[in-house]
Protein backbone atom coordinates (compact mmCIF):
# COMPACT_ATOMS: atom_id res chain seq x y z
CA UNK A 1 0.00 0.00 0.00
CA UNK A 2 2.91 2.36 0.59
CA UNK A 3 3.85 2.09 -3.08
CA UNK A 4 0.27 3.01 -4.05
CA UNK A 5 0.39 5.95 -1.65
CA UNK A 6 3.68 7.09 -3.21
CA UNK A 7 2.17 6.79 -6.69
CA UNK A 8 -0.76 8.95 -5.56
CA UNK A 9 1.65 11.59 -4.25
CA UNK A 10 3.52 11.62 -7.56
CA UNK A 11 0.27 11.91 -9.50
CA UNK A 12 -0.62 14.96 -7.45
CA UNK A 13 2.86 16.44 -7.88
CA UNK A 14 2.61 15.98 -11.65
CA UNK A 15 5.49 13.58 -12.12
CA UNK A 16 5.61 11.84 -15.51
CA UNK A 17 3.17 8.94 -15.60
CA UNK A 18 3.52 7.62 -19.13
CA UNK A 19 6.69 6.33 -20.65
CA UNK A 20 7.50 7.18 -24.22
CA UNK A 21 8.59 4.25 -26.33
CA UNK A 22 9.30 4.57 -30.01
CA UNK A 23 11.62 2.98 -32.48
CA UNK A 24 12.31 1.14 -35.67
CA UNK A 25 11.19 -2.39 -36.43
CA UNK A 26 8.14 -4.57 -36.83
CA UNK A 27 8.10 -5.63 -33.16
CA UNK A 28 8.67 -2.30 -31.42
CA UNK A 29 5.21 -2.46 -29.83
CA UNK A 30 5.86 -5.92 -28.37
CA UNK A 31 9.24 -4.84 -27.03
CA UNK A 32 7.75 -1.69 -25.48
CA UNK A 33 5.08 -3.87 -23.85
CA UNK A 34 7.78 -5.85 -22.01
CA UNK A 35 9.22 -2.64 -20.54
CA UNK A 36 5.78 -1.33 -19.67
CA UNK A 37 5.00 -4.58 -17.85
CA UNK A 38 8.28 -4.31 -15.95
CA UNK A 39 7.53 -0.73 -14.92
CA UNK A 40 4.02 -1.69 -13.80
CA UNK A 41 5.26 -4.69 -11.79
CA UNK A 42 7.86 -2.50 -10.06
CA UNK A 43 5.26 0.09 -9.17
CA UNK A 44 3.11 -2.66 -7.65
CA UNK A 45 6.04 -3.70 -5.46
CA UNK A 46 6.50 -6.93 -7.44
CA UNK A 47 10.21 -7.51 -8.06
CA UNK A 48 9.71 -11.11 -9.29
CA UNK A 49 7.12 -9.70 -11.73
CA UNK A 50 9.66 -7.07 -12.82
CA UNK A 51 12.19 -9.86 -13.38
CA UNK A 52 9.75 -11.63 -15.72
CA UNK A 53 11.04 -9.26 -18.42
CA UNK A 54 14.51 -10.77 -18.12
CA UNK A 55 15.79 -13.96 -19.73
CA UNK A 56 15.55 -16.66 -17.08
CA UNK A 57 19.03 -17.99 -17.71
CA UNK A 58 22.35 -18.06 -15.91
CA UNK A 59 23.71 -16.34 -19.05
CA UNK A 60 21.78 -13.12 -18.27
CA UNK A 61 24.19 -10.23 -17.70
CA UNK A 62 23.40 -7.15 -15.59
CA UNK A 63 26.06 -4.43 -15.39
CA UNK A 64 25.68 -1.48 -13.04
CA UNK A 65 27.74 0.53 -10.60
CA UNK A 66 31.03 -0.86 -11.81
CA UNK A 67 30.05 -4.48 -11.25
CA UNK A 68 28.56 -7.28 -13.33
CA UNK A 69 25.95 -9.71 -12.04
CA UNK A 70 25.64 -12.93 -14.01
CA UNK A 71 22.48 -15.00 -14.04
CA UNK A 72 18.77 -14.49 -13.51
CA UNK A 73 18.79 -15.76 -9.91
CA UNK A 74 21.72 -13.56 -8.89
CA UNK A 75 20.09 -10.54 -10.54
CA UNK A 76 16.82 -11.22 -8.72
CA UNK A 77 18.70 -11.50 -5.42
CA UNK A 78 20.51 -8.21 -6.15
CA UNK A 79 17.19 -6.44 -6.67
CA UNK A 80 15.56 -8.05 -3.61
CA UNK A 81 18.50 -7.02 -1.41
CA UNK A 82 18.87 -3.50 -2.73
CA UNK A 83 15.14 -2.69 -2.89
CA UNK A 84 13.93 -4.44 0.24
CA UNK A 85 11.27 -1.92 1.27
CA UNK A 86 8.56 0.04 -0.53
CA UNK A 87 10.44 3.22 0.38
CA UNK A 88 13.60 1.94 -1.32
CA UNK A 89 11.63 0.88 -4.40
CA UNK A 90 9.83 4.19 -4.80
CA UNK A 91 7.93 4.70 -8.02
CA UNK A 92 9.70 3.80 -11.29
CA UNK A 93 9.37 5.65 -14.58
CA UNK A 94 11.01 4.57 -17.82
CA UNK A 95 11.18 7.46 -20.29
CA UNK A 96 12.75 8.30 -23.63
CA UNK A 97 12.69 4.65 -24.68
CA UNK A 98 14.16 4.18 -28.15
CA UNK A 99 13.96 0.68 -29.64
CA UNK A 100 16.07 -0.53 -32.54
CA UNK A 101 15.13 -3.95 -33.84
CA UNK A 102 18.22 -5.52 -35.37
CA UNK A 103 16.67 -8.74 -36.70
CA UNK A 104 13.62 -10.94 -36.25
CA UNK A 105 14.90 -12.00 -32.83
CA UNK A 106 17.25 -9.24 -31.61
CA UNK A 107 16.84 -5.63 -30.54
CA UNK A 108 18.33 -3.01 -28.28
CA UNK A 109 16.65 -0.31 -26.23
CA UNK A 110 18.16 2.91 -24.92
CA UNK A 111 16.28 4.80 -22.24
CA UNK A 112 16.17 6.67 -18.96
CA UNK A 113 15.00 5.39 -15.57
CA UNK A 114 13.95 7.49 -12.60
CA UNK A 115 12.93 6.38 -9.14
CA UNK A 116 10.65 8.83 -7.38
CA UNK A 117 11.11 8.41 -3.65
CA UNK A 118 10.28 10.55 -0.65
CA UNK A 119 13.95 11.17 0.18
CA UNK A 120 15.51 11.44 -3.28
CA UNK A 121 15.03 11.03 -7.01
CA UNK A 122 17.81 8.90 -8.50
CA UNK A 123 17.93 8.72 -12.27
CA UNK A 124 20.14 7.32 -14.97
CA UNK A 125 20.41 5.73 -18.38
CA UNK A 126 20.31 2.16 -19.61
CA UNK A 127 20.96 0.10 -22.69
CA UNK A 128 19.20 -3.24 -22.97
CA UNK A 129 19.74 -6.04 -25.43
CA UNK A 130 16.65 -8.17 -25.97
CA UNK A 131 16.24 -11.48 -27.73
CA UNK A 132 12.99 -13.04 -28.81
CA UNK A 133 12.50 -16.26 -26.84
CA UNK A 134 9.67 -18.82 -26.93
CA UNK A 135 7.92 -16.81 -24.20
CA UNK A 136 8.44 -13.51 -26.07
CA UNK A 137 10.98 -10.71 -25.94
CA UNK A 138 13.32 -10.85 -22.94
CA UNK A 139 16.24 -8.72 -21.75
CA UNK A 140 19.45 -10.74 -22.06
CA UNK A 141 21.87 -7.92 -21.23
CA UNK A 142 21.24 -4.80 -19.11
CA UNK A 143 23.80 -2.04 -18.72
CA UNK A 144 22.45 0.59 -16.33
CA UNK A 145 24.15 3.73 -15.08
CA UNK A 146 23.18 6.29 -12.47
CA UNK A 147 23.62 10.03 -12.88
CA UNK A 148 25.77 11.81 -10.31
């Protein structure tokens, strides 16, 4: 409920509510839907739901803060440890999403993330590589940076 309360505060304060997602390729809409689902899961306090957008493989790579986490399970644990309270999770907005589909089963996305929290508003950029799997498009590589 705290996450919902935070979302209500941000709505009142006029924070961005809709992500922009555009790009080139026949499957841009499907790729954008994965990111939208991740954002929605995060804002519902559902980290495992957020992780559903990632490739469930030990070959998943997540790079951030000068370190690399390998594997879906390790990435999930990293998120669960780092964002262990609704206050830490805040309210997530993906913006300026630009999709480039490289082939029938490969694409990359460049975008911005922002966490709206009571105490701060961290933001940064990310580049994702997605591959089309049996279950749909999934992030196979995530390189995320935080602004100073």
